[in-house]
PDB file of N, CA and C in Angstrom:
ATOM      1  N   MET A   1      12.257  21.741   0.374  1.00  0.00           N
ATOM      2  CA  MET A   1      11.679  20.639   1.756  1.00  0.00           C
ATOM      3  C   MET A   1      12.938  19.543   1.750  1.00  0.00           C
ATOM      4  N   PHE A   2      13.352  18.850   0.358  1.00  0.00           N
ATOM      5  CA  PHE A   2      14.408  18.199   0.008  1.00  0.00           C
ATOM      6  C   PHE A   2      15.234  18.526   0.925  1.00  0.00           C
ATOM      7  N   LYS A   3      15.687  20.157   0.276  1.00  0.00           N
ATOM      8  CA  LYS A   3      17.435  20.914   0.855  1.00  0.00           C
ATOM      9  C   LYS A   3      17.423  20.783   2.332  1.00  0.00           C
ATOM     10  N   ALA A   4      15.994  21.070   2.784  1.00  0.00           N
ATOM     11  CA  ALA A   4      15.977  21.108   4.336  1.00  0.00           C
ATOM     12  C   ALA A   4      16.464  19.467   5.250  1.00  0.00           C
ATOM     13  N   TYR A   5      16.313  18.144   4.360  1.00  0.00           N
ATOM     14  CA  TYR A   5      16.524  16.761   4.619  1.00  0.00           C
ATOM     15  C   TYR A   5      17.811  17.522   4.654  1.00  0.00           C
ATOM     16  N   THR A   6      18.395  17.113   3.554  1.00  0.00           N
ATOM     17  CA  THR A   6      19.834  17.179   3.260  1.00  0.00           C
ATOM     18  C   THR A   6      20.665  17.678   4.347  1.00  0.00           C
ATOM     19  N   ASN A   7      20.325  18.734   4.606  1.00  0.00           N
ATOM     20  CA  ASN A   7      20.913  19.624   5.874  1.00  0.00           C
ATOM     21  C   ASN A   7      21.187  19.567   7.320  1.00  0.00           C
ATOM     22  N   LEU A   8      20.110  18.186   7.416  1.00  0.00           N
ATOM     23  CA  LEU A   8      20.389  17.661   8.585  1.00  0.00           C
ATOM     24  C   LEU A   8      21.426  16.949   8.764  1.00  0.00           C
ATOM     25  N   ALA A   9      22.101  16.877  10.245  1.00  0.00           N
ATOM     26  CA  ALA A   9      23.080  15.672  10.093  1.00  0.00           C
ATOM     27  C   ALA A   9      22.596  13.993  10.123  1.00  0.00           C
ATOM     28  N   PRO A  10      23.771  13.761   9.852  1.00  0.00           N
ATOM     29  CA  PRO A  10      23.129  12.150   9.890  1.00  0.00           C
ATOM     30  C   PRO A  10      22.582  11.277  10.314  1.00  0.00           C
ATOM     31  N   LYS A  11      23.001  11.758  11.286  1.00  0.00           N
ATOM     32  CA  LYS A  11      22.030  10.590  12.905  1.00  0.00           C
ATOM     33  C   LYS A  11      20.681  11.478  12.886  1.00  0.00           C
ATOM     34  N   THR A  12      20.469  12.645  12.571  1.00  0.00           N
ATOM     35  CA  THR A  12      18.984  13.271  12.601  1.00  0.00           C
ATOM     36  C   THR A  12      18.208  12.674  11.277  1.00  0.00           C
ATOM     37  N   ARG A  13      18.813  12.474  10.496  1.00  0.00           N
ATOM     38  CA  ARG A  13      18.152  11.655   9.116  1.00  0.00           C
ATOM     39  C   ARG A  13      18.111  10.632   9.503  1.00  0.00           C
ATOM     40  N   LEU A  14      18.774   9.531   9.913  1.00  0.00           N
ATOM     41  CA  LEU A  14      18.515   8.475  10.378  1.00  0.00           C
ATOM     42  C   LEU A  14      17.148   8.367  11.163  1.00  0.00           C
ATOM     43  N   GLY A  15      17.325   9.077  12.008  1.00  0.00           N
ATOM     44  CA  GLY A  15      16.033   9.268  12.868  1.00  0.00           C
ATOM     45  C   GLY A  15      14.595   9.613  12.459  1.00  0.00           C
ATOM     46  N   VAL A  16      14.970  10.401  11.612  1.00  0.00           N
ATOM     47  CA  VAL A  16      13.651  10.656  10.722  1.00  0.00           C
ATOM     48  C   VAL A  16      13.010   9.823  10.095  1.00  0.00           C
ATOM     49  N   GLY A  17      14.115   9.305   8.806  1.00  0.00           N
ATOM     50  CA  GLY A  17      13.609   7.772   8.390  1.00  0.00           C
ATOM     51  C   GLY A  17      12.714   6.825   9.304  1.00  0.00           C
ATOM     52  N   VAL A  18      13.565   6.384  10.255  1.00  0.00           N
ATOM     53  CA  VAL A  18      12.877   5.442  11.327  1.00  0.00           C
ATOM     54  C   VAL A  18      11.986   5.762  11.751  1.00  0.00           C
ATOM     55  N   ALA A  19      11.636   7.080  12.483  1.00  0.00           N
ATOM     56  CA  ALA A  19      10.055   7.652  12.061  1.00  0.00           C
ATOM     57  C   ALA A  19       9.182   7.483  11.596  1.00  0.00           C
ATOM     58  N   ILE A  20       9.317   8.000  10.145  1.00  0.00           N
ATOM     59  CA  ILE A  20       8.703   7.628   8.984  1.00  0.00           C
ATOM     60  C   ILE A  20       8.210   6.319   8.705  1.00  0.00           C
ATOM     61  N   ILE A  21       9.276   5.512   9.091  1.00  0.00           N
ATOM     62  CA  ILE A  21       9.175   4.033   8.904  1.00  0.00           C
ATOM     63  C   ILE A  21       7.868   3.484   9.702  1.00  0.00           C
ATOM     64  N   ALA A  22       8.506   4.323  11.134  1.00  0.00           N
ATOM     65  CA  ALA A  22       7.498   3.573  11.802  1.00  0.00           C
ATOM     66  C   ALA A  22       6.051   3.741  12.080  1.00  0.00           C
ATOM     67  N   TRP A  23       5.767   5.158  11.545  1.00  0.00           N
ATOM     68  CA  TRP A  23       4.394   5.694  11.489  1.00  0.00           C
ATOM     69  C   TRP A  23       3.752   5.235  10.325  1.00  0.00           C
ATOM     70  N   GLY A  24       4.373   4.608   9.075  1.00  0.00           N
ATOM     71  CA  GLY A  24       3.901   3.596   8.263  1.00  0.00           C
ATOM     72  C   GLY A  24       3.463   2.366   8.452  1.00  0.00           C
ATOM     73  N   CYS A  25       4.314   2.139   9.432  1.00  0.00           N
ATOM     74  CA  CYS A  25       4.047   0.421   9.997  1.00  0.00           C
ATOM     75  C   CYS A  25       2.740   0.530  10.957  1.00  0.00           C
ATOM     76  N   ALA A  26       2.612   1.437  11.480  1.00  0.00           N
ATOM     77  CA  ALA A  26       2.036   1.651  12.623  1.00  0.00           C
ATOM     78  C   ALA A  26       0.264   1.997  11.635  1.00  0.00           C
ATOM     79  N   GLY A  27       0.591   2.836  10.498  1.00  0.00           N
ATOM     80  CA  GLY A  27      -0.926   2.800   9.985  1.00  0.00           C
ATOM     81  C   GLY A  27      -1.197   1.500   9.487  1.00  0.00           C
ATOM     82  N   LEU A  28      -0.109   0.558   9.240  1.00  0.00           N
ATOM     83  CA  LEU A  28      -0.651  -0.450   8.353  1.00  0.00           C
ATOM     84  C   LEU A  28      -1.378  -1.130  10.001  1.00  0.00           C
ATOM     85  N   TYR A  29      -0.976  -1.189  10.541  1.00  0.00           N
ATOM     86  CA  TYR A  29      -1.266  -2.178  11.592  1.00  0.00           C
ATOM     87  C   TYR A  29      -2.685  -1.627  12.369  1.00  0.00           C
ATOM     88  N   LEU A  30      -2.850  -0.592  12.296  1.00  0.00           N
ATOM     89  CA  LEU A  30      -3.702   0.091  13.258  1.00  0.00           C
ATOM     90  C   LEU A  30      -4.931   0.255  12.093  1.00  0.00           C
ATOM     91  N   SER A  31      -4.606   0.472  11.260  1.00  0.00           N
ATOM     92  CA  SER A  31      -6.097   0.347  10.033  1.00  0.00           C
ATOM     93  C   SER A  31      -7.024  -0.482  10.180  1.00  0.00           C
ATOM     94  N   ASP A  32      -6.327  -1.719  10.337  1.00  0.00           N
ATOM     95  CA  ASP A  32      -7.165  -3.033   9.922  1.00  0.00           C
ATOM     96  C   ASP A  32      -8.090  -3.045  11.516  1.00  0.00           C
ATOM     97  N   LYS A  33      -7.497  -2.533  12.523  1.00  0.00           N
ATOM     98  CA  LYS A  33      -8.078  -2.574  13.928  1.00  0.00           C
ATOM     99  C   LYS A  33      -9.035  -1.533  13.573  1.00  0.00           C
ATOM    100  N   ALA A  34      -8.953  -0.587  13.319  1.00  0.00           N
ATOM    101  CA  ALA A  34      -9.801   0.665  12.991  1.00  0.00           C
ATOM    102  C   ALA A  34     -11.117   0.214  12.155  1.00  0.00           C
ATOM    103  N   GLU A  35     -10.918  -0.176  10.962  1.00  0.00           N
ATOM    104  CA  GLU A  35     -11.850  -1.156   9.830  1.00  0.00           C
ATOM    105  C   GLU A  35     -12.655  -1.902  10.812  1.00  0.00           C
ATOM    106  N   GLU A  36     -12.261  -2.231  11.618  1.00  0.00           N
ATOM    107  CA  GLU A  36     -13.404  -3.600  12.140  1.00  0.00           C
ATOM    108  C   GLU A  36     -14.149  -2.626  13.164  1.00  0.00           C
ATOM    109  N   LYS A  37     -13.462  -1.861  14.207  1.00  0.00           N
ATOM    110  CA  LYS A  37     -14.379  -1.256  15.149  1.00  0.00           C
ATOM    111  C   LYS A  37     -15.428  -0.326  14.664  1.00  0.00           C
ATOM    112  N   PHE A  38     -14.941   0.341  13.450  1.00  0.00           N
ATOM    113  CA  PHE A  38     -16.031   1.678  12.626  1.00  0.00           C
ATOM    114  C   PHE A  38     -17.577   0.670  11.787  1.00  0.00           C
ATOM    115  N   GLY A  39     -16.895  -0.548  11.815  1.00  0.00           N
ATOM    116  CA  GLY A  39     -17.985  -1.582  10.764  1.00  0.00           C
ATOM    117  C   GLY A  39     -17.577  -1.586   8.723  1.00  0.00           C
ATOM    118  N   TYR A  40     -16.260  -1.046   8.854  1.00  0.00           N
ATOM    119  CA  TYR A  40     -15.942  -1.102   7.664  1.00  0.00           C
ATOM    120  C   TYR A  40     -15.434  -2.335   6.899  1.00  0.00           C
ATOM    121  N   THR A  41     -15.413  -3.600   7.823  1.00  0.00           N
ATOM    122  CA  THR A  41     -15.253  -4.233   6.723  1.00  0.00           C
ATOM    123  C   THR A  41     -15.952  -5.272   5.560  1.00  0.00           C
ATOM    124  N   PRO A  42     -15.238  -5.402   4.479  1.00  0.00           N
ATOM    125  CA  PRO A  42     -15.676  -5.709   3.464  1.00  0.00           C
ATOM    126  C   PRO A  42     -16.658  -7.083   3.350  1.00  0.00           C
ATOM    127  N   THR A  43     -17.910  -7.078   2.941  1.00  0.00           N
ATOM    128  CA  THR A  43     -18.980  -7.647   2.972  1.00  0.00           C
ATOM    129  C   THR A  43     -18.647  -9.137   1.826  1.00  0.00           C
ATOM    130  N   GLU A  44     -18.946  -9.982   1.308  1.00  0.00           N
ATOM    131  CA  GLU A  44     -18.617 -11.007   0.318  1.00  0.00           C
ATOM    132  C   GLU A  44     -18.924 -10.675  -0.756  1.00  0.00           C
ATOM    133  N   GLU A  45     -20.275  -9.506  -0.813  1.00  0.00           N
ATOM    134  CA  GLU A  45     -20.997  -9.268  -2.065  1.00  0.00           C
ATOM    135  C   GLU A  45     -19.758  -7.790  -2.757  1.00  0.00           C
ATOM    136  N   ASP A  46     -18.968  -7.441  -1.544  1.00  0.00           N
ATOM    137  CA  ASP A  46     -18.106  -6.086  -1.768  1.00  0.00           C
ATOM    138  C   ASP A  46     -17.208  -7.473  -2.512  1.00  0.00           C
ATOM    139  N   ARG A  47     -16.388  -8.464  -2.196  1.00  0.00           N
ATOM    140  CA  ARG A  47     -15.449  -8.845  -2.527  1.00  0.00           C
ATOM    141  C   ARG A  47     -15.872  -8.826  -4.043  1.00  0.00           C
ATOM    142  N   SER A  48     -17.010  -9.673  -4.189  1.00  0.00           N
ATOM    143  CA  SER A  48     -17.565 -10.333  -5.473  1.00  0.00           C
ATOM    144  C   SER A  48     -17.671  -9.283  -6.300  1.00  0.00           C
ATOM    145  N   ALA A  49     -17.861  -7.946  -6.401  1.00  0.00           N
ATOM    146  CA  ALA A  49     -17.872  -7.114  -6.847  1.00  0.00           C
ATOM    147  C   ALA A  49     -16.620  -6.234  -7.405  1.00  0.00           C
ATOM    148  N   LEU A  50     -15.856  -6.515  -6.621  1.00  0.00           N
ATOM    149  CA  LEU A  50     -14.294  -6.039  -7.219  1.00  0.00           C
ATOM    150  C   LEU A  50     -13.656  -7.168  -7.990  1.00  0.00           C
ATOM    151  N   ARG A  51     -13.912  -7.840  -7.691  1.00  0.00           N
ATOM    152  CA  ARG A  51     -13.482  -9.286  -8.610  1.00  0.00           C
ATOM    153  C   ARG A  51     -13.921  -8.956 -10.166  1.00  0.00           C
ATOM    154  N   GLU A  52     -15.225  -8.579 -10.080  1.00  0.00           N
ATOM    155  CA  GLU A  52     -15.914  -8.709 -11.534  1.00  0.00           C
ATOM    156  C   GLU A  52     -15.266  -7.016 -11.858  1.00  0.00           C
ATOM    157  N   MET A  53     -14.980  -6.111 -11.283  1.00  0.00           N
ATOM    158  CA  MET A  53     -14.877  -5.260 -12.101  1.00  0.00           C
ATOM    159  C   MET A  53     -12.802  -5.053 -12.336  1.00  0.00           C
ATOM    160  N   ALA A  54     -12.633  -6.081 -11.946  1.00  0.00           N
ATOM    161  CA  ALA A  54     -10.840  -6.566 -11.958  1.00  0.00           C
ATOM    162  C   ALA A  54     -10.857  -6.446 -13.756  1.00  0.00           C
ATOM    163  N   PRO A  55      -9.414  -6.257 -14.131  1.00  0.00           N
ATOM    164  CA  PRO A  55      -9.382  -6.680 -15.832  1.00  0.00           C
ATOM    165  C   PRO A  55      -9.363  -7.794 -15.720  1.00  0.00           C
ATOM    166  N   LYS A  56      -9.521  -8.391 -17.077  1.00  0.00           N
ATOM    167  CA  LYS A  56      -9.050  -9.798 -17.153  1.00  0.00           C
ATOM    168  C   LYS A  56      -7.867  -9.464 -18.088  1.00  0.00           C
ATOM    169  N   ILE A  57      -6.970 -10.680 -17.895  1.00  0.00           N
ATOM    170  CA  ILE A  57      -5.566 -10.915 -18.717  1.00  0.00           C
ATOM    171  C   ILE A  57      -5.525 -12.286 -19.455  1.00  0.00           C
ATOM    172  N   THR A  58      -5.345 -11.784 -20.780  1.00  0.00           N
ATOM    173  CA  THR A  58      -5.251 -13.138 -21.473  1.00  0.00           C
ATOM    174  C   THR A  58      -3.968 -12.691 -22.149  1.00  0.00           C
ATOM    175  N   SER A  59      -3.382 -13.732 -22.357  1.00  0.00           N
ATOM    176  CA  SER A  59      -2.145 -14.252 -22.705  1.00  0.00           C
ATOM    177  C   SER A  59      -1.800 -14.442 -23.972  1.00  0.00           C
ATOM    178  N   VAL A  60      -0.967 -14.310 -25.079  1.00  0.00           N
ATOM    179  CA  VAL A  60      -1.440 -14.488 -26.552  1.00  0.00           C
ATOM    180  C   VAL A  60       0.224 -14.918 -27.029  1.00  0.00           C
ATOM    181  N   ASP A  61       0.431 -16.579 -27.640  1.00  0.00           N
ATOM    182  CA  ASP A  61       0.867 -17.083 -27.430  1.00  0.00           C
ATOM    183  C   ASP A  61       1.841 -16.654 -28.968  1.00  0.00           C
ATOM    184  N   LYS A  62       3.141 -15.911 -29.124  1.00  0.00           N
ATOM    185  CA  LYS A  62       3.473 -15.236 -30.323  1.00  0.00           C
ATOM    186  C   LYS A  62       4.327 -16.251 -31.141  1.00  0.00           C
ATOM    187  N   SER A  63       4.745 -17.316 -30.422  1.00  0.00           N
ATOM    188  CA  SER A  63       5.401 -18.473 -31.198  1.00  0.00           C
ATOM    189  C   SER A  63       5.337 -19.015 -32.497  1.00  0.00           C
ATOM    190  N   GLN A  64       4.217 -18.517 -33.001  1.00  0.00           N
ATOM    191  CA  GLN A  64       3.532 -19.171 -34.214  1.00  0.00           C
ATOM    192  C   GLN A  64       3.852 -18.223 -35.168  1.00  0.00           C
ATOM    193  N   GLU A  65       4.565 -18.383 -36.413  1.00  0.00           N
ATOM    194  CA  GLU A  65       5.168 -17.846 -37.555  1.00  0.00           C
ATOM    195  C   GLU A  65       3.646 -17.936 -38.797  1.00  0.00           C
ATOM    196  N   ARG A  66       3.653 -16.783 -39.332  1.00  0.00           N
ATOM    197  CA  ARG A  66       2.565 -16.752 -40.165  1.00  0.00           C
ATOM    198  C   ARG A  66       2.882 -17.267 -41.294  1.00  0.00           C
TER     199      ARG A  66
END
């Protein structure tokens, strides 16, 4: 698949790259709209449950010598 892409003309590769980026941006923009339309917006309970599942990070100071 990569070889087929590299065999394209430079202008065509540019067009394909721009089209992929545009498709991704459209997906990011439209996914929020679709989420609201289909009723999949997260509730506050969902957000708090997600925060509880997130790992807790603790920093350790190693500057003290034994």
